[in-house]
């Protein structure tokens, strides 16, 4: 009989600004594709971030992993790098990548997966009340 897994999801938040724009297109093409999000001065969001891990429950502790350990990893790998930053200029992840919600979800995953020892199952980025990005896609 296989060991049952339990999913643990934890919510975080960070504030960041970005500009949706690519040097591969003209200013007019960027405006046509990204609309007001291509504003040269950027714009910001209060992002919600949900990180889900899964694993067997440790018998002595009853945990999949200690919450303070998960919090420390997310803080070090993501929040310290993204919170109160202009993603296009301040975060190396987006030097050559448009910081769309889709790309933010993927980059957050990449930042976390090495430190979560195979436990990482899902990253959800809530950019607005109406825009949610989940990686990996189901």
N, C-alpha and C. Protein backbone atom coordinates (compact mmCIF):
# COMPACT_ATOMS: atom_id res chain seq x y z
N UNK A 1 0.85 -1.18 0.00
CA UNK A 1 0.00 0.00 0.00
C UNK A 1 0.89 1.24 0.00
N UNK A 2 0.59 2.18 -0.88
CA UNK A 2 1.41 3.38 -0.97
C UNK A 2 1.07 4.35 0.15
N UNK A 3 2.03 5.17 0.48
CA UNK A 3 1.85 6.18 1.51
C UNK A 3 0.98 7.31 0.95
N UNK A 4 -0.11 7.65 1.62
CA UNK A 4 -0.96 8.74 1.12
C UNK A 4 -0.25 10.09 1.23
N UNK A 5 -0.51 10.94 0.25
CA UNK A 5 0.05 12.29 0.25
C UNK A 5 -1.00 13.28 0.70
N UNK A 6 -0.55 14.33 1.35
CA UNK A 6 -1.43 15.43 1.75
C UNK A 6 -0.90 16.69 1.09
N UNK A 7 -1.82 17.48 0.53
CA UNK A 7 -1.45 18.78 -0.04
C UNK A 7 -1.52 19.84 1.05
N UNK A 8 -0.53 20.69 1.08
CA UNK A 8 -0.48 21.84 1.99
C UNK A 8 -0.35 23.08 1.12
N UNK A 9 -1.29 24.00 1.25
CA UNK A 9 -1.24 25.27 0.51
C UNK A 9 -1.10 26.41 1.50
N UNK A 10 -0.23 27.34 1.16
CA UNK A 10 0.04 28.49 2.03
C UNK A 10 -0.02 29.75 1.18
N UNK A 11 -0.67 30.79 1.72
CA UNK A 11 -0.85 32.05 0.99
C UNK A 11 0.14 33.10 1.46
N UNK A 12 0.59 33.90 0.47
CA UNK A 12 1.53 34.99 0.71
C UNK A 12 1.08 36.18 -0.13
N UNK A 13 1.72 37.32 0.09
CA UNK A 13 1.42 38.47 -0.75
C UNK A 13 2.69 39.29 -0.96
N UNK A 14 2.71 40.00 -2.08
CA UNK A 14 3.79 40.94 -2.36
C UNK A 14 3.24 42.02 -3.28
N UNK A 15 3.86 43.18 -3.21
CA UNK A 15 3.50 44.30 -4.07
C UNK A 15 4.64 44.54 -5.04
N UNK A 16 4.30 44.69 -6.31
CA UNK A 16 5.33 44.93 -7.31
C UNK A 16 4.73 45.67 -8.49
N UNK A 17 5.60 46.34 -9.23
CA UNK A 17 5.16 47.00 -10.46
C UNK A 17 5.85 46.34 -11.64
N UNK A 18 5.25 46.53 -12.80
CA UNK A 18 5.82 45.98 -14.02
C UNK A 18 5.28 46.74 -15.23
N UNK A 19 5.87 46.46 -16.36
CA UNK A 19 5.41 47.00 -17.63
C UNK A 19 5.36 45.85 -18.61
N UNK A 20 4.23 45.70 -19.29
CA UNK A 20 4.12 44.68 -20.32
C UNK A 20 4.55 45.31 -21.64
N UNK A 21 5.73 44.91 -22.07
CA UNK A 21 6.37 45.52 -23.24
C UNK A 21 7.51 44.62 -23.66
N UNK A 22 7.70 44.51 -24.96
CA UNK A 22 8.85 43.75 -25.46
C UNK A 22 9.59 44.57 -26.51
N UNK A 23 10.89 44.53 -26.46
CA UNK A 23 11.72 45.23 -27.44
C UNK A 23 11.62 44.62 -28.83
N UNK A 24 11.01 43.44 -28.94
CA UNK A 24 10.86 42.77 -30.23
C UNK A 24 9.75 43.39 -31.07
N UNK A 25 8.96 44.29 -30.46
CA UNK A 25 7.85 44.94 -31.15
C UNK A 25 8.01 46.44 -31.09
N UNK A 26 7.36 47.14 -31.99
CA UNK A 26 7.37 48.60 -31.96
C UNK A 26 6.51 49.09 -30.80
N UNK A 27 6.66 50.37 -30.48
CA UNK A 27 5.84 50.97 -29.43
C UNK A 27 4.36 50.79 -29.76
N UNK A 28 3.99 51.02 -31.01
CA UNK A 28 2.60 50.90 -31.44
C UNK A 28 2.10 49.46 -31.32
N UNK A 29 2.93 48.50 -31.70
CA UNK A 29 2.54 47.09 -31.58
C UNK A 29 2.37 46.70 -30.11
N UNK A 30 3.28 47.17 -29.26
CA UNK A 30 3.15 46.89 -27.83
C UNK A 30 1.85 47.46 -27.28
N UNK A 31 1.53 48.70 -27.65
CA UNK A 31 0.28 49.30 -27.18
C UNK A 31 -0.93 48.53 -27.69
N UNK A 32 -0.88 48.06 -28.94
CA UNK A 32 -2.00 47.30 -29.49
C UNK A 32 -2.20 45.98 -28.76
N UNK A 33 -1.11 45.33 -28.39
CA UNK A 33 -1.19 44.02 -27.71
C UNK A 33 -1.46 44.16 -26.22
N UNK A 34 -0.71 45.03 -25.54
CA UNK A 34 -0.76 45.11 -24.09
C UNK A 34 -1.62 46.24 -23.56
N UNK A 35 -2.10 47.12 -24.45
CA UNK A 35 -2.96 48.22 -24.02
C UNK A 35 -2.28 49.12 -23.01
N UNK A 36 -3.04 49.57 -22.04
CA UNK A 36 -2.48 50.50 -21.06
C UNK A 36 -1.41 49.86 -20.18
N UNK A 37 -1.32 48.55 -20.19
CA UNK A 37 -0.26 47.87 -19.43
C UNK A 37 1.13 48.09 -20.05
N UNK A 38 1.16 48.67 -21.27
CA UNK A 38 2.43 49.01 -21.92
C UNK A 38 2.90 50.41 -21.55
N UNK A 39 2.21 51.06 -20.64
CA UNK A 39 2.57 52.42 -20.20
C UNK A 39 4.06 52.47 -19.87
N UNK A 40 4.79 53.41 -20.44
CA UNK A 40 6.24 53.49 -20.19
C UNK A 40 6.62 53.60 -18.72
N UNK A 41 5.73 54.12 -17.89
CA UNK A 41 6.03 54.24 -16.46
C UNK A 41 5.60 53.02 -15.65
N UNK A 42 5.02 52.04 -16.30
CA UNK A 42 4.60 50.83 -15.61
C UNK A 42 3.35 51.03 -14.77
N UNK A 43 2.99 50.00 -14.05
CA UNK A 43 1.85 50.01 -13.13
C UNK A 43 2.08 48.90 -12.12
N UNK A 44 1.31 48.92 -11.04
CA UNK A 44 1.57 47.96 -9.97
C UNK A 44 0.37 47.13 -9.57
N UNK A 45 0.66 46.08 -8.82
CA UNK A 45 -0.37 45.18 -8.30
C UNK A 45 0.01 44.77 -6.88
N UNK A 46 -1.00 44.43 -6.12
CA UNK A 46 -0.82 43.72 -4.85
C UNK A 46 -1.12 42.26 -5.16
N UNK A 47 -0.08 41.49 -5.35
CA UNK A 47 -0.21 40.11 -5.79
C UNK A 47 -0.52 39.19 -4.62
N UNK A 48 -1.33 38.19 -4.89
CA UNK A 48 -1.50 37.07 -3.99
C UNK A 48 -0.71 35.90 -4.55
N UNK A 49 -0.09 35.14 -3.69
CA UNK A 49 0.70 33.98 -4.10
C UNK A 49 0.31 32.81 -3.22
N UNK A 50 -0.09 31.71 -3.84
CA UNK A 50 -0.37 30.48 -3.11
C UNK A 50 0.61 29.42 -3.57
N UNK A 51 1.29 28.83 -2.62
CA UNK A 51 2.27 27.78 -2.90
C UNK A 51 1.72 26.49 -2.30
N UNK A 52 1.64 25.44 -3.13
CA UNK A 52 1.15 24.15 -2.67
C UNK A 52 2.26 23.12 -2.75
N UNK A 53 2.46 22.43 -1.65
CA UNK A 53 3.40 21.32 -1.60
C UNK A 53 2.61 20.07 -1.25
N UNK A 54 3.18 18.91 -1.52
CA UNK A 54 2.52 17.65 -1.18
C UNK A 54 3.57 16.65 -0.75
N UNK A 55 3.19 15.84 0.21
CA UNK A 55 4.10 14.81 0.67
C UNK A 55 3.41 13.95 1.71
N UNK A 56 4.08 12.91 2.14
CA UNK A 56 3.53 12.10 3.22
C UNK A 56 3.58 12.88 4.53
N UNK A 57 2.67 12.57 5.41
CA UNK A 57 2.65 13.22 6.72
C UNK A 57 3.71 12.55 7.60
N UNK A 58 4.60 13.37 8.13
CA UNK A 58 5.62 12.88 9.05
C UNK A 58 4.93 12.43 10.34
N UNK A 59 5.14 11.18 10.73
CA UNK A 59 4.42 10.62 11.89
C UNK A 59 4.70 11.38 13.19
N UNK A 60 5.95 11.66 13.54
CA UNK A 60 6.17 12.34 14.82
C UNK A 60 5.57 13.75 14.88
N UNK A 61 5.67 14.51 13.77
CA UNK A 61 5.21 15.91 13.83
C UNK A 61 3.79 16.09 13.33
N UNK A 62 3.34 15.20 12.44
CA UNK A 62 2.03 15.38 11.82
C UNK A 62 2.04 16.36 10.67
N UNK A 63 3.23 16.79 10.23
CA UNK A 63 3.37 17.79 9.17
C UNK A 63 3.79 17.15 7.85
N UNK A 64 3.38 17.77 6.74
CA UNK A 64 4.01 17.51 5.45
C UNK A 64 5.38 18.17 5.46
N UNK A 65 5.40 19.41 5.96
CA UNK A 65 6.64 20.13 6.23
C UNK A 65 6.30 21.23 7.22
N UNK A 66 7.22 21.64 8.05
CA UNK A 66 6.94 22.72 8.99
C UNK A 66 6.63 24.02 8.26
N UNK A 67 5.59 24.72 8.70
CA UNK A 67 5.19 25.97 8.06
C UNK A 67 6.30 27.01 8.09
N UNK A 68 7.03 27.08 9.20
CA UNK A 68 8.10 28.08 9.27
C UNK A 68 9.20 27.79 8.25
N UNK A 69 9.42 26.53 7.92
CA UNK A 69 10.40 26.16 6.90
C UNK A 69 9.91 26.59 5.51
N UNK A 70 8.64 26.31 5.21
CA UNK A 70 8.07 26.74 3.94
C UNK A 70 8.09 28.26 3.83
N UNK A 71 7.69 28.94 4.90
CA UNK A 71 7.70 30.41 4.90
C UNK A 71 9.09 30.97 4.64
N UNK A 72 10.10 30.39 5.25
CA UNK A 72 11.47 30.87 5.07
C UNK A 72 11.94 30.70 3.63
N UNK A 73 11.59 29.58 3.01
CA UNK A 73 11.98 29.34 1.62
C UNK A 73 11.28 30.32 0.69
N UNK A 74 9.97 30.50 0.87
CA UNK A 74 9.23 31.43 0.01
C UNK A 74 9.74 32.85 0.21
N UNK A 75 9.99 33.22 1.44
CA UNK A 75 10.49 34.57 1.72
C UNK A 75 11.84 34.79 1.04
N UNK A 76 12.76 33.87 1.23
CA UNK A 76 14.11 34.01 0.68
C UNK A 76 14.11 33.95 -0.86
N UNK A 77 13.39 32.99 -1.42
CA UNK A 77 13.47 32.75 -2.86
C UNK A 77 12.59 33.66 -3.70
N UNK A 78 11.49 34.15 -3.12
CA UNK A 78 10.53 34.93 -3.92
C UNK A 78 10.26 36.30 -3.32
N UNK A 79 9.76 36.34 -2.11
CA UNK A 79 9.28 37.61 -1.56
C UNK A 79 10.40 38.64 -1.43
N UNK A 80 11.56 38.24 -0.96
CA UNK A 80 12.66 39.19 -0.83
C UNK A 80 13.09 39.75 -2.18
N UNK A 81 12.94 38.96 -3.23
CA UNK A 81 13.34 39.40 -4.57
C UNK A 81 12.26 40.22 -5.27
N UNK A 82 10.99 39.95 -5.00
CA UNK A 82 9.90 40.56 -5.76
C UNK A 82 9.18 41.69 -5.04
N UNK A 83 9.11 41.65 -3.72
CA UNK A 83 8.27 42.61 -3.00
C UNK A 83 8.82 44.03 -3.12
N UNK A 84 7.94 44.95 -3.49
CA UNK A 84 8.28 46.37 -3.67
C UNK A 84 9.40 46.57 -4.68
N UNK A 85 9.30 45.84 -5.78
CA UNK A 85 10.28 45.94 -6.86
C UNK A 85 9.55 46.28 -8.17
N UNK A 86 10.31 46.90 -9.09
CA UNK A 86 9.86 47.09 -10.46
C UNK A 86 10.42 45.89 -11.21
N UNK A 87 9.58 44.91 -11.49
CA UNK A 87 10.04 43.61 -11.97
C UNK A 87 10.92 43.71 -13.22
N UNK A 88 10.56 44.58 -14.15
CA UNK A 88 11.33 44.70 -15.40
C UNK A 88 12.78 45.10 -15.16
N UNK A 89 13.01 45.93 -14.17
CA UNK A 89 14.36 46.47 -13.95
C UNK A 89 15.08 45.89 -12.74
N UNK A 90 14.34 45.52 -11.72
CA UNK A 90 14.95 45.12 -10.45
C UNK A 90 15.13 43.62 -10.28
N UNK A 91 14.49 42.81 -11.11
CA UNK A 91 14.53 41.36 -10.94
C UNK A 91 15.10 40.73 -12.20
N UNK A 92 16.21 40.05 -12.05
CA UNK A 92 16.92 39.47 -13.19
C UNK A 92 16.05 38.51 -14.01
N UNK A 93 15.04 37.91 -13.38
CA UNK A 93 14.15 36.97 -14.07
C UNK A 93 13.52 37.58 -15.32
N UNK A 94 13.37 38.90 -15.33
CA UNK A 94 12.59 39.55 -16.39
C UNK A 94 13.42 40.46 -17.29
N UNK A 95 14.72 40.31 -17.28
CA UNK A 95 15.58 41.12 -18.15
C UNK A 95 15.19 40.91 -19.61
N UNK A 96 14.96 39.67 -20.01
CA UNK A 96 14.59 39.34 -21.39
C UNK A 96 13.25 38.63 -21.48
N UNK A 97 12.39 38.85 -20.48
CA UNK A 97 11.11 38.15 -20.43
C UNK A 97 10.04 39.13 -19.96
N UNK A 98 8.94 39.20 -20.69
CA UNK A 98 7.84 40.09 -20.31
C UNK A 98 7.23 39.56 -19.01
N UNK A 99 7.12 40.40 -17.97
CA UNK A 99 6.61 39.93 -16.68
C UNK A 99 5.08 39.84 -16.64
N UNK A 100 4.54 39.00 -17.50
CA UNK A 100 3.10 38.72 -17.48
C UNK A 100 2.79 37.83 -16.28
N UNK A 101 1.53 37.72 -15.94
CA UNK A 101 1.14 36.82 -14.86
C UNK A 101 1.57 35.38 -15.13
N UNK A 102 1.47 34.97 -16.38
CA UNK A 102 1.89 33.62 -16.76
C UNK A 102 3.38 33.42 -16.47
N UNK A 103 4.19 34.38 -16.88
CA UNK A 103 5.63 34.26 -16.67
C UNK A 103 6.02 34.40 -15.21
N UNK A 104 5.30 35.22 -14.46
CA UNK A 104 5.57 35.33 -13.03
C UNK A 104 5.32 33.99 -12.35
N UNK A 105 4.21 33.33 -12.67
CA UNK A 105 3.92 32.02 -12.08
C UNK A 105 5.02 31.02 -12.41
N UNK A 106 5.46 31.00 -13.65
CA UNK A 106 6.54 30.07 -14.04
C UNK A 106 7.84 30.37 -13.33
N UNK A 107 8.21 31.64 -13.24
CA UNK A 107 9.47 32.00 -12.59
C UNK A 107 9.43 31.73 -11.09
N UNK A 108 8.29 31.97 -10.46
CA UNK A 108 8.16 31.64 -9.03
C UNK A 108 8.38 30.14 -8.84
N UNK A 109 7.77 29.33 -9.68
CA UNK A 109 7.97 27.88 -9.62
C UNK A 109 9.46 27.55 -9.73
N UNK A 110 10.12 28.12 -10.72
CA UNK A 110 11.54 27.83 -10.93
C UNK A 110 12.39 28.24 -9.74
N UNK A 111 12.03 29.34 -9.09
CA UNK A 111 12.78 29.80 -7.92
C UNK A 111 12.59 28.85 -6.74
N UNK A 112 11.42 28.23 -6.63
CA UNK A 112 11.10 27.40 -5.46
C UNK A 112 11.45 25.93 -5.62
N UNK A 113 11.36 25.40 -6.82
CA UNK A 113 11.41 23.94 -6.97
C UNK A 113 12.69 23.31 -6.45
N UNK A 114 13.82 23.97 -6.57
CA UNK A 114 15.07 23.38 -6.10
C UNK A 114 15.17 23.27 -4.60
N UNK A 115 14.50 24.17 -3.89
CA UNK A 115 14.58 24.17 -2.42
C UNK A 115 13.46 23.39 -1.74
N UNK A 116 12.51 22.91 -2.52
CA UNK A 116 11.39 22.19 -1.90
C UNK A 116 11.47 20.68 -2.12
N UNK A 117 12.63 20.18 -2.51
CA UNK A 117 12.92 18.75 -2.53
C UNK A 117 11.81 17.89 -3.12
N UNK A 118 11.29 18.26 -4.28
CA UNK A 118 10.27 17.45 -4.93
C UNK A 118 8.89 17.58 -4.34
N UNK A 119 8.71 18.43 -3.34
CA UNK A 119 7.40 18.58 -2.71
C UNK A 119 6.48 19.56 -3.45
N UNK A 120 7.05 20.48 -4.23
CA UNK A 120 6.26 21.53 -4.87
C UNK A 120 5.29 20.94 -5.88
N UNK A 121 4.03 21.34 -5.77
CA UNK A 121 2.99 20.84 -6.67
C UNK A 121 2.35 21.94 -7.50
N UNK A 122 2.23 23.15 -6.95
CA UNK A 122 1.49 24.18 -7.66
C UNK A 122 1.87 25.56 -7.13
N UNK A 123 1.87 26.51 -8.06
CA UNK A 123 2.04 27.92 -7.74
C UNK A 123 0.85 28.65 -8.36
N UNK A 124 0.19 29.48 -7.57
CA UNK A 124 -0.92 30.29 -8.06
C UNK A 124 -0.59 31.74 -7.79
N UNK A 125 -0.66 32.56 -8.84
CA UNK A 125 -0.42 33.99 -8.71
C UNK A 125 -1.73 34.71 -9.01
N UNK A 126 -2.24 35.44 -8.03
CA UNK A 126 -3.42 36.28 -8.22
C UNK A 126 -2.93 37.70 -8.46
N UNK A 127 -3.07 38.15 -9.71
CA UNK A 127 -2.61 39.48 -10.07
C UNK A 127 -3.65 40.53 -9.72
N UNK A 128 -4.90 40.20 -9.96
CA UNK A 128 -6.04 41.06 -9.61
C UNK A 128 -7.15 40.16 -9.10
N UNK A 129 -8.26 40.76 -8.76
CA UNK A 129 -9.42 39.98 -8.33
C UNK A 129 -9.89 39.05 -9.45
N UNK A 130 -9.64 39.45 -10.70
CA UNK A 130 -10.14 38.70 -11.85
C UNK A 130 -9.08 37.89 -12.59
N UNK A 131 -7.81 38.11 -12.31
CA UNK A 131 -6.74 37.44 -13.06
C UNK A 131 -5.93 36.51 -12.16
N UNK A 132 -6.01 35.23 -12.46
CA UNK A 132 -5.28 34.20 -11.70
C UNK A 132 -4.47 33.36 -12.68
N UNK A 133 -3.24 33.04 -12.28
CA UNK A 133 -2.34 32.26 -13.12
C UNK A 133 -1.83 31.08 -12.31
N UNK A 134 -1.98 29.87 -12.85
CA UNK A 134 -1.62 28.65 -12.12
C UNK A 134 -0.56 27.89 -12.91
N UNK A 135 0.47 27.46 -12.20
CA UNK A 135 1.53 26.67 -12.82
C UNK A 135 1.89 25.52 -11.90
N UNK A 136 2.02 24.32 -12.43
CA UNK A 136 1.76 23.97 -13.82
C UNK A 136 0.26 23.91 -14.09
N UNK A 137 -0.09 24.01 -15.38
CA UNK A 137 -1.49 23.90 -15.77
C UNK A 137 -1.95 22.46 -15.57
N UNK A 138 -3.18 22.31 -15.20
CA UNK A 138 -3.73 20.95 -14.99
C UNK A 138 -4.24 20.42 -16.32
